[in-house]
Amino acid sequence: MSTADDLPPPVAVAGLSLDGHRLYTITAAQNAELCRSTGGEPAVDGSAHPVYYYVATQVAMGMTVAGLCAACDFDVNDGPMMGTSEVQFAASLMTDVPYRVSGEVLSLERKRSRKLGVMDVLTYRLRLHGLDGDCVLTTDNVWILPRKNLA
């Protein structure tokens, strides 16, 4: 097996802006539907289910999933996989409150895996802000981009 040193480098995307161009609002109705689908009830204080950290940031970031993959010279049809997603909440997510997303790509690293062969590991950070500019949460996401053509 060859080493990662003899592989062509991935495209340079670190620093690529993922700032959103539109607002995202978690409606009370959407939140209630999601909560009930998991066997729970929505919170009476108007706070949204915590899983919306991922939904809101992904939907309102400045690129689609296909667009982010394309920026990494990866075809979304080749199956990007979620590696990890870590979140730090500064405040609760609330229903019927508009949020905006800021973010950037942190890194794209090429590696070898026994199971997947050659892959790129994409790490990006997204932040969800209220209209007052306060950051409600920060999430770091890692995606695995299998590079079947480099095996």
N, C-alpha and C. Protein backbone atom coordinates (compact mmCIF):
# COMPACT_ATOMS: atom_id res chain seq x y z
N MET A 1 0.84 -1.17 0.00
CA MET A 1 0.00 0.00 0.00
C MET A 1 0.89 1.23 0.00
N SER A 2 0.58 2.18 -0.86
CA SER A 2 1.37 3.41 -0.90
C SER A 2 0.95 4.35 0.23
N THR A 3 1.76 5.35 0.46
CA THR A 3 1.48 6.30 1.54
C THR A 3 0.72 7.50 1.00
N ALA A 4 0.21 8.33 1.91
CA ALA A 4 -0.50 9.54 1.50
C ALA A 4 0.43 10.51 0.79
N ASP A 5 1.76 10.38 1.03
CA ASP A 5 2.72 11.28 0.40
C ASP A 5 2.75 11.15 -1.11
N ASP A 6 2.37 9.97 -1.64
CA ASP A 6 2.43 9.81 -3.10
C ASP A 6 1.08 10.09 -3.76
N LEU A 7 0.15 10.68 -3.02
CA LEU A 7 -1.16 11.04 -3.57
C LEU A 7 -1.16 12.51 -4.00
N PRO A 8 -1.93 12.83 -5.01
CA PRO A 8 -2.05 14.26 -5.35
C PRO A 8 -2.76 14.98 -4.20
N PRO A 9 -2.40 16.23 -3.94
CA PRO A 9 -3.02 16.94 -2.83
C PRO A 9 -4.48 17.30 -3.14
N PRO A 10 -5.29 17.48 -2.10
CA PRO A 10 -6.66 17.92 -2.33
C PRO A 10 -6.66 19.41 -2.73
N VAL A 11 -7.78 19.88 -3.22
CA VAL A 11 -7.89 21.30 -3.56
C VAL A 11 -7.77 22.14 -2.29
N ALA A 12 -7.30 23.34 -2.43
CA ALA A 12 -7.12 24.25 -1.28
C ALA A 12 -8.43 25.00 -1.03
N VAL A 13 -9.19 24.55 -0.05
CA VAL A 13 -10.47 25.19 0.25
C VAL A 13 -10.52 25.80 1.66
N ALA A 14 -9.47 25.61 2.45
CA ALA A 14 -9.47 26.19 3.80
C ALA A 14 -9.70 27.68 3.70
N GLY A 15 -10.61 28.17 4.52
CA GLY A 15 -10.94 29.59 4.52
C GLY A 15 -12.14 29.95 3.65
N LEU A 16 -12.62 28.99 2.85
CA LEU A 16 -13.78 29.24 2.01
C LEU A 16 -14.97 29.65 2.87
N SER A 17 -15.60 30.76 2.55
CA SER A 17 -16.73 31.26 3.33
C SER A 17 -17.97 30.40 3.13
N LEU A 18 -18.64 30.12 4.23
CA LEU A 18 -19.92 29.42 4.20
C LEU A 18 -21.02 30.31 4.78
N ASP A 19 -20.76 31.63 4.80
CA ASP A 19 -21.74 32.57 5.32
C ASP A 19 -23.04 32.44 4.54
N GLY A 20 -24.14 32.39 5.28
CA GLY A 20 -25.45 32.26 4.66
C GLY A 20 -25.94 33.57 4.07
N HIS A 21 -26.87 33.44 3.14
CA HIS A 21 -27.42 34.61 2.45
C HIS A 21 -28.90 34.80 2.78
N ARG A 22 -29.44 33.92 3.59
CA ARG A 22 -30.84 34.03 3.97
C ARG A 22 -31.01 33.61 5.42
N LEU A 23 -32.13 33.99 5.98
CA LEU A 23 -32.42 33.67 7.37
C LEU A 23 -33.12 32.32 7.46
N TYR A 24 -33.02 31.71 8.63
CA TYR A 24 -33.71 30.45 8.88
C TYR A 24 -34.52 30.61 10.16
N THR A 25 -35.79 30.25 10.11
CA THR A 25 -36.65 30.32 11.28
C THR A 25 -37.23 28.94 11.55
N ILE A 26 -37.10 28.49 12.76
CA ILE A 26 -37.71 27.23 13.20
C ILE A 26 -39.12 27.58 13.64
N THR A 27 -40.11 27.19 12.88
CA THR A 27 -41.48 27.53 13.28
C THR A 27 -41.93 26.64 14.43
N ALA A 28 -42.86 27.15 15.20
CA ALA A 28 -43.40 26.37 16.32
C ALA A 28 -44.05 25.09 15.80
N ALA A 29 -44.71 25.18 14.64
CA ALA A 29 -45.37 23.99 14.06
C ALA A 29 -44.35 22.94 13.64
N GLN A 30 -43.27 23.37 12.98
CA GLN A 30 -42.22 22.41 12.58
C GLN A 30 -41.60 21.76 13.81
N ASN A 31 -41.33 22.57 14.82
CA ASN A 31 -40.72 22.04 16.03
C ASN A 31 -41.64 21.03 16.72
N ALA A 32 -42.93 21.35 16.79
CA ALA A 32 -43.89 20.43 17.41
C ALA A 32 -43.94 19.11 16.66
N GLU A 33 -43.94 19.20 15.33
CA GLU A 33 -43.98 17.98 14.51
C GLU A 33 -42.73 17.13 14.75
N LEU A 34 -41.57 17.76 14.78
CA LEU A 34 -40.33 17.03 15.02
C LEU A 34 -40.33 16.42 16.42
N CYS A 35 -40.71 17.19 17.42
CA CYS A 35 -40.72 16.67 18.80
C CYS A 35 -41.65 15.47 18.91
N ARG A 36 -42.81 15.58 18.34
CA ARG A 36 -43.78 14.47 18.42
C ARG A 36 -43.30 13.24 17.65
N SER A 37 -42.53 13.45 16.57
CA SER A 37 -42.01 12.32 15.82
C SER A 37 -40.98 11.53 16.61
N THR A 38 -40.42 12.15 17.63
CA THR A 38 -39.44 11.47 18.48
C THR A 38 -40.07 10.99 19.79
N GLY A 39 -41.41 11.12 19.90
CA GLY A 39 -42.10 10.65 21.09
C GLY A 39 -42.17 11.69 22.20
N GLY A 40 -41.81 12.93 21.90
CA GLY A 40 -41.85 13.97 22.92
C GLY A 40 -42.85 15.05 22.58
N GLU A 41 -42.90 16.02 23.44
CA GLU A 41 -43.76 17.19 23.24
C GLU A 41 -42.87 18.42 23.18
N PRO A 42 -43.29 19.44 22.44
CA PRO A 42 -42.49 20.66 22.39
C PRO A 42 -42.43 21.34 23.75
N ALA A 43 -41.34 22.03 24.00
CA ALA A 43 -41.17 22.75 25.27
C ALA A 43 -42.16 23.91 25.34
N VAL A 44 -42.69 24.15 26.52
CA VAL A 44 -43.67 25.21 26.68
C VAL A 44 -43.04 26.60 26.64
N ASP A 45 -41.73 26.69 26.82
CA ASP A 45 -41.05 27.99 26.82
C ASP A 45 -40.68 28.48 25.42
N GLY A 46 -41.04 27.70 24.38
CA GLY A 46 -40.73 28.11 23.01
C GLY A 46 -39.36 27.69 22.52
N SER A 47 -38.61 26.96 23.35
CA SER A 47 -37.31 26.49 22.88
C SER A 47 -37.51 25.36 21.88
N ALA A 48 -36.62 25.32 20.91
CA ALA A 48 -36.70 24.32 19.85
C ALA A 48 -35.90 23.08 20.23
N HIS A 49 -36.23 21.97 19.60
CA HIS A 49 -35.48 20.73 19.79
C HIS A 49 -34.02 20.98 19.41
N PRO A 50 -33.08 20.49 20.21
CA PRO A 50 -31.66 20.75 19.93
C PRO A 50 -31.16 20.26 18.59
N VAL A 51 -31.80 19.27 17.96
CA VAL A 51 -31.32 18.77 16.67
C VAL A 51 -31.38 19.86 15.60
N TYR A 52 -32.15 20.89 15.85
CA TYR A 52 -32.21 21.98 14.88
C TYR A 52 -30.87 22.70 14.73
N TYR A 53 -29.93 22.46 15.64
CA TYR A 53 -28.59 23.04 15.44
C TYR A 53 -28.05 22.60 14.09
N TYR A 54 -28.25 21.33 13.75
CA TYR A 54 -27.72 20.81 12.50
C TYR A 54 -28.59 21.24 11.32
N VAL A 55 -29.88 21.10 11.48
CA VAL A 55 -30.81 21.44 10.40
C VAL A 55 -30.65 22.91 10.01
N ALA A 56 -30.71 23.80 10.97
CA ALA A 56 -30.67 25.24 10.68
C ALA A 56 -29.35 25.65 10.05
N THR A 57 -28.24 25.15 10.57
CA THR A 57 -26.94 25.55 10.02
C THR A 57 -26.73 25.00 8.61
N GLN A 58 -27.13 23.76 8.38
CA GLN A 58 -26.96 23.17 7.05
C GLN A 58 -27.84 23.85 6.01
N VAL A 59 -29.10 24.10 6.37
CA VAL A 59 -30.04 24.67 5.42
C VAL A 59 -29.69 26.12 5.09
N ALA A 60 -29.23 26.89 6.09
CA ALA A 60 -29.01 28.32 5.89
C ALA A 60 -27.57 28.69 5.59
N MET A 61 -26.65 27.71 5.51
CA MET A 61 -25.28 28.08 5.15
C MET A 61 -25.26 28.54 3.70
N GLY A 62 -24.18 29.18 3.31
CA GLY A 62 -24.10 29.83 2.02
C GLY A 62 -23.94 28.92 0.82
N MET A 63 -23.89 27.61 1.02
CA MET A 63 -23.78 26.66 -0.08
C MET A 63 -24.69 25.47 0.19
N THR A 64 -25.12 24.85 -0.88
CA THR A 64 -25.82 23.58 -0.73
C THR A 64 -24.78 22.49 -0.43
N VAL A 65 -25.24 21.34 -0.03
CA VAL A 65 -24.33 20.20 0.16
C VAL A 65 -23.60 19.91 -1.15
N ALA A 66 -24.34 19.90 -2.25
CA ALA A 66 -23.71 19.64 -3.56
C ALA A 66 -22.69 20.72 -3.88
N GLY A 67 -22.99 21.98 -3.54
CA GLY A 67 -22.06 23.07 -3.80
C GLY A 67 -20.80 22.97 -2.97
N LEU A 68 -20.94 22.59 -1.71
CA LEU A 68 -19.76 22.41 -0.86
C LEU A 68 -18.91 21.25 -1.37
N CYS A 69 -19.55 20.17 -1.77
CA CYS A 69 -18.80 19.04 -2.34
C CYS A 69 -18.08 19.47 -3.61
N ALA A 70 -18.76 20.21 -4.46
CA ALA A 70 -18.14 20.67 -5.71
C ALA A 70 -16.93 21.55 -5.43
N ALA A 71 -17.02 22.40 -4.41
CA ALA A 71 -15.87 23.24 -4.05
C ALA A 71 -14.67 22.40 -3.64
N CYS A 72 -14.95 21.19 -3.15
CA CYS A 72 -13.89 20.25 -2.75
C CYS A 72 -13.51 19.31 -3.89
N ASP A 73 -13.98 19.61 -5.11
CA ASP A 73 -13.74 18.78 -6.28
C ASP A 73 -14.23 17.36 -6.05
N PHE A 74 -15.45 17.26 -5.47
CA PHE A 74 -16.06 15.97 -5.15
C PHE A 74 -17.49 15.97 -5.65
N ASP A 75 -17.87 14.90 -6.32
CA ASP A 75 -19.23 14.76 -6.83
C ASP A 75 -20.12 14.24 -5.71
N VAL A 76 -21.15 15.01 -5.36
CA VAL A 76 -22.05 14.62 -4.28
C VAL A 76 -22.67 13.24 -4.52
N ASN A 77 -22.79 12.82 -5.78
CA ASN A 77 -23.34 11.51 -6.10
C ASN A 77 -22.41 10.36 -5.70
N ASP A 78 -21.15 10.69 -5.36
CA ASP A 78 -20.21 9.67 -4.89
C ASP A 78 -20.38 9.37 -3.40
N GLY A 79 -21.29 10.06 -2.75
CA GLY A 79 -21.66 9.71 -1.38
C GLY A 79 -20.80 10.28 -0.28
N PRO A 80 -20.91 11.58 0.00
CA PRO A 80 -20.23 12.12 1.18
C PRO A 80 -20.84 11.49 2.43
N MET A 81 -20.03 11.30 3.45
CA MET A 81 -20.50 10.69 4.70
C MET A 81 -20.18 11.61 5.87
N MET A 82 -21.10 11.65 6.81
CA MET A 82 -20.84 12.43 8.01
C MET A 82 -19.87 11.66 8.89
N GLY A 83 -18.81 12.33 9.30
CA GLY A 83 -17.87 11.73 10.24
C GLY A 83 -18.30 12.06 11.65
N THR A 84 -18.23 13.35 12.00
CA THR A 84 -18.64 13.80 13.33
C THR A 84 -19.31 15.17 13.21
N SER A 85 -20.03 15.50 14.24
CA SER A 85 -20.61 16.83 14.37
C SER A 85 -20.61 17.17 15.85
N GLU A 86 -19.92 18.23 16.20
CA GLU A 86 -19.86 18.67 17.60
C GLU A 86 -20.46 20.05 17.68
N VAL A 87 -21.23 20.30 18.74
CA VAL A 87 -21.89 21.59 18.89
C VAL A 87 -21.67 22.14 20.29
N GLN A 88 -21.54 23.44 20.36
CA GLN A 88 -21.48 24.16 21.63
C GLN A 88 -22.57 25.22 21.60
N PHE A 89 -23.52 25.09 22.52
CA PHE A 89 -24.62 26.04 22.61
C PHE A 89 -24.24 27.18 23.56
N ALA A 90 -24.47 28.41 23.13
CA ALA A 90 -24.32 29.57 24.00
C ALA A 90 -25.69 29.97 24.56
N ALA A 91 -26.74 29.55 23.88
CA ALA A 91 -28.12 29.83 24.30
C ALA A 91 -29.01 28.77 23.66
N SER A 92 -30.23 28.67 24.14
CA SER A 92 -31.20 27.73 23.56
C SER A 92 -31.68 28.24 22.21
N LEU A 93 -31.94 27.32 21.30
CA LEU A 93 -32.59 27.67 20.05
C LEU A 93 -34.07 27.92 20.35
N MET A 94 -34.62 28.93 19.74
CA MET A 94 -36.01 29.29 19.99
C MET A 94 -36.83 29.21 18.70
N THR A 95 -38.10 28.89 18.86
CA THR A 95 -38.99 28.86 17.71
C THR A 95 -39.40 30.28 17.35
N ASP A 96 -39.75 30.44 16.09
CA ASP A 96 -40.24 31.71 15.54
C ASP A 96 -39.27 32.87 15.71
N VAL A 97 -37.98 32.55 15.74
CA VAL A 97 -36.91 33.55 15.81
C VAL A 97 -36.03 33.34 14.58
N PRO A 98 -35.78 34.38 13.78
CA PRO A 98 -34.91 34.22 12.61
C PRO A 98 -33.43 34.17 13.02
N TYR A 99 -32.70 33.29 12.35
CA TYR A 99 -31.27 33.13 12.58
C TYR A 99 -30.53 33.25 11.26
N ARG A 100 -29.28 33.64 11.35
CA ARG A 100 -28.41 33.64 10.17
C ARG A 100 -27.18 32.80 10.49
N VAL A 101 -26.51 32.33 9.44
CA VAL A 101 -25.35 31.45 9.59
C VAL A 101 -24.09 32.15 9.08
N SER A 102 -23.02 32.00 9.82
CA SER A 102 -21.69 32.36 9.32
C SER A 102 -20.83 31.10 9.44
N GLY A 103 -19.78 31.05 8.66
CA GLY A 103 -18.92 29.88 8.76
C GLY A 103 -17.86 29.84 7.69
N GLU A 104 -17.03 28.83 7.81
CA GLU A 104 -15.93 28.65 6.87
C GLU A 104 -15.42 27.22 6.91
N VAL A 105 -14.77 26.85 5.81
CA VAL A 105 -14.08 25.57 5.76
C VAL A 105 -12.79 25.71 6.55
N LEU A 106 -12.52 24.76 7.44
CA LEU A 106 -11.29 24.77 8.22
C LEU A 106 -10.17 24.01 7.53
N SER A 107 -10.51 22.86 6.94
CA SER A 107 -9.46 22.06 6.30
C SER A 107 -10.06 21.00 5.40
N LEU A 108 -9.21 20.54 4.47
CA LEU A 108 -9.50 19.39 3.63
C LEU A 108 -8.21 18.60 3.55
N GLU A 109 -8.22 17.41 4.16
CA GLU A 109 -7.01 16.59 4.24
C GLU A 109 -7.22 15.27 3.51
N ARG A 110 -6.23 14.86 2.77
CA ARG A 110 -6.28 13.58 2.05
C ARG A 110 -5.62 12.51 2.92
N LYS A 111 -6.31 11.36 3.06
CA LYS A 111 -5.81 10.27 3.89
C LYS A 111 -6.12 8.94 3.23
N ARG A 112 -5.50 7.92 3.77
CA ARG A 112 -5.81 6.54 3.37
C ARG A 112 -6.52 5.85 4.52
N SER A 113 -7.45 4.99 4.16
CA SER A 113 -8.19 4.20 5.13
C SER A 113 -8.22 2.76 4.65
N ARG A 114 -8.13 1.83 5.58
CA ARG A 114 -8.19 0.41 5.18
C ARG A 114 -9.55 0.07 4.59
N LYS A 115 -10.60 0.64 5.14
CA LYS A 115 -11.95 0.33 4.67
C LYS A 115 -12.35 1.11 3.43
N LEU A 116 -12.01 2.40 3.40
CA LEU A 116 -12.48 3.27 2.32
C LEU A 116 -11.46 3.54 1.24
N GLY A 117 -10.22 3.20 1.48
CA GLY A 117 -9.18 3.56 0.53
C GLY A 117 -8.82 5.03 0.70
N VAL A 118 -8.62 5.72 -0.40
CA VAL A 118 -8.27 7.14 -0.32
C VAL A 118 -9.54 7.94 -0.03
N MET A 119 -9.41 8.90 0.86
CA MET A 119 -10.54 9.76 1.20
C MET A 119 -10.02 11.14 1.58
N ASP A 120 -10.89 12.11 1.43
CA ASP A 120 -10.62 13.44 1.93
C ASP A 120 -11.47 13.65 3.17
N VAL A 121 -10.89 14.30 4.15
CA VAL A 121 -11.59 14.62 5.39
C VAL A 121 -11.82 16.13 5.40
N LEU A 122 -13.07 16.50 5.27
CA LEU A 122 -13.47 17.91 5.23
C LEU A 122 -13.94 18.34 6.61
N THR A 123 -13.36 19.41 7.13
CA THR A 123 -13.78 19.97 8.42
C THR A 123 -14.23 21.40 8.19
N TYR A 124 -15.44 21.71 8.66
CA TYR A 124 -15.94 23.07 8.52
C TYR A 124 -16.69 23.50 9.77
N ARG A 125 -16.72 24.80 9.99
CA ARG A 125 -17.34 25.38 11.19
C ARG A 125 -18.49 26.29 10.76
N LEU A 126 -19.62 26.14 11.45
CA LEU A 126 -20.77 27.00 11.22
C LEU A 126 -21.21 27.59 12.56
N ARG A 127 -21.65 28.86 12.50
CA ARG A 127 -22.16 29.53 13.69
C ARG A 127 -23.57 30.03 13.39
N LEU A 128 -24.45 29.92 14.35
CA LEU A 128 -25.83 30.41 14.21
C LEU A 128 -25.96 31.65 15.08
N HIS A 129 -26.44 32.74 14.44
CA HIS A 129 -26.55 34.03 15.11
C HIS A 129 -27.99 34.51 15.11
N GLY A 130 -28.38 35.16 16.21
CA GLY A 130 -29.65 35.89 16.22
C GLY A 130 -29.48 37.17 15.42
N LEU A 131 -30.58 37.86 15.18
CA LEU A 131 -30.51 39.11 14.41
C LEU A 131 -29.73 40.19 15.14
N ASP A 132 -29.57 40.04 16.46
CA ASP A 132 -28.77 41.00 17.24
C ASP A 132 -27.27 40.75 17.07
N GLY A 133 -26.92 39.67 16.35
CA GLY A 133 -25.52 39.34 16.11
C GLY A 133 -24.93 38.38 17.12
N ASP A 134 -25.64 38.14 18.22
CA ASP A 134 -25.12 37.21 19.23
C ASP A 134 -25.07 35.79 18.67
N CYS A 135 -23.97 35.12 18.95
CA CYS A 135 -23.80 33.73 18.50
C CYS A 135 -24.54 32.81 19.46
N VAL A 136 -25.47 32.03 18.92
CA VAL A 136 -26.28 31.11 19.71
C VAL A 136 -25.59 29.75 19.83
N LEU A 137 -24.87 29.36 18.77
CA LEU A 137 -24.17 28.08 18.80
C LEU A 137 -23.07 28.06 17.76
N THR A 138 -22.12 27.16 17.99
CA THR A 138 -21.04 26.89 17.04
C THR A 138 -20.98 25.39 16.85
N THR A 139 -20.89 24.97 15.60
CA THR A 139 -20.76 23.54 15.32
C THR A 139 -19.60 23.29 14.37
N ASP A 140 -18.82 22.28 14.68
CA ASP A 140 -17.75 21.81 13.79
C ASP A 140 -18.20 20.47 13.23
N ASN A 141 -18.24 20.40 11.91
CA ASN A 141 -18.67 19.19 11.22
C ASN A 141 -17.51 18.60 10.43
N VAL A 142 -17.44 17.29 10.42
CA VAL A 142 -16.43 16.57 9.65
C VAL A 142 -17.16 15.62 8.71
N TRP A 143 -16.86 15.75 7.43
CA TRP A 143 -17.40 14.86 6.42
C TRP A 143 -16.27 14.05 5.81
N ILE A 144 -16.59 12.84 5.43
CA ILE A 144 -15.65 11.95 4.74
C ILE A 144 -16.06 11.90 3.26
N LEU A 145 -15.10 12.20 2.41
CA LEU A 145 -15.34 12.20 0.96
C LEU A 145 -14.52 11.08 0.33
N PRO A 146 -15.12 9.91 0.11
CA PRO A 146 -14.36 8.79 -0.47
C PRO A 146 -13.86 9.12 -1.88
N ARG A 147 -12.61 8.85 -2.12
CA ARG A 147 -12.00 9.15 -3.43
C ARG A 147 -11.72 7.84 -4.17
N LYS A 148 -12.78 7.22 -4.65
CA LYS A 148 -12.66 5.92 -5.34
C LYS A 148 -11.73 6.01 -6.54
N ASN A 149 -11.68 7.17 -7.18
CA ASN A 149 -10.85 7.33 -8.37
C ASN A 149 -9.36 7.37 -8.03
N LEU A 150 -9.00 7.48 -6.75
CA LEU A 150 -7.59 7.52 -6.36
C LEU A 150 -7.13 6.25 -5.65
N ALA A 151 -7.98 5.26 -5.60
CA ALA A 151 -7.64 4.01 -4.91
C ALA A 151 -6.56 3.32 -5.62
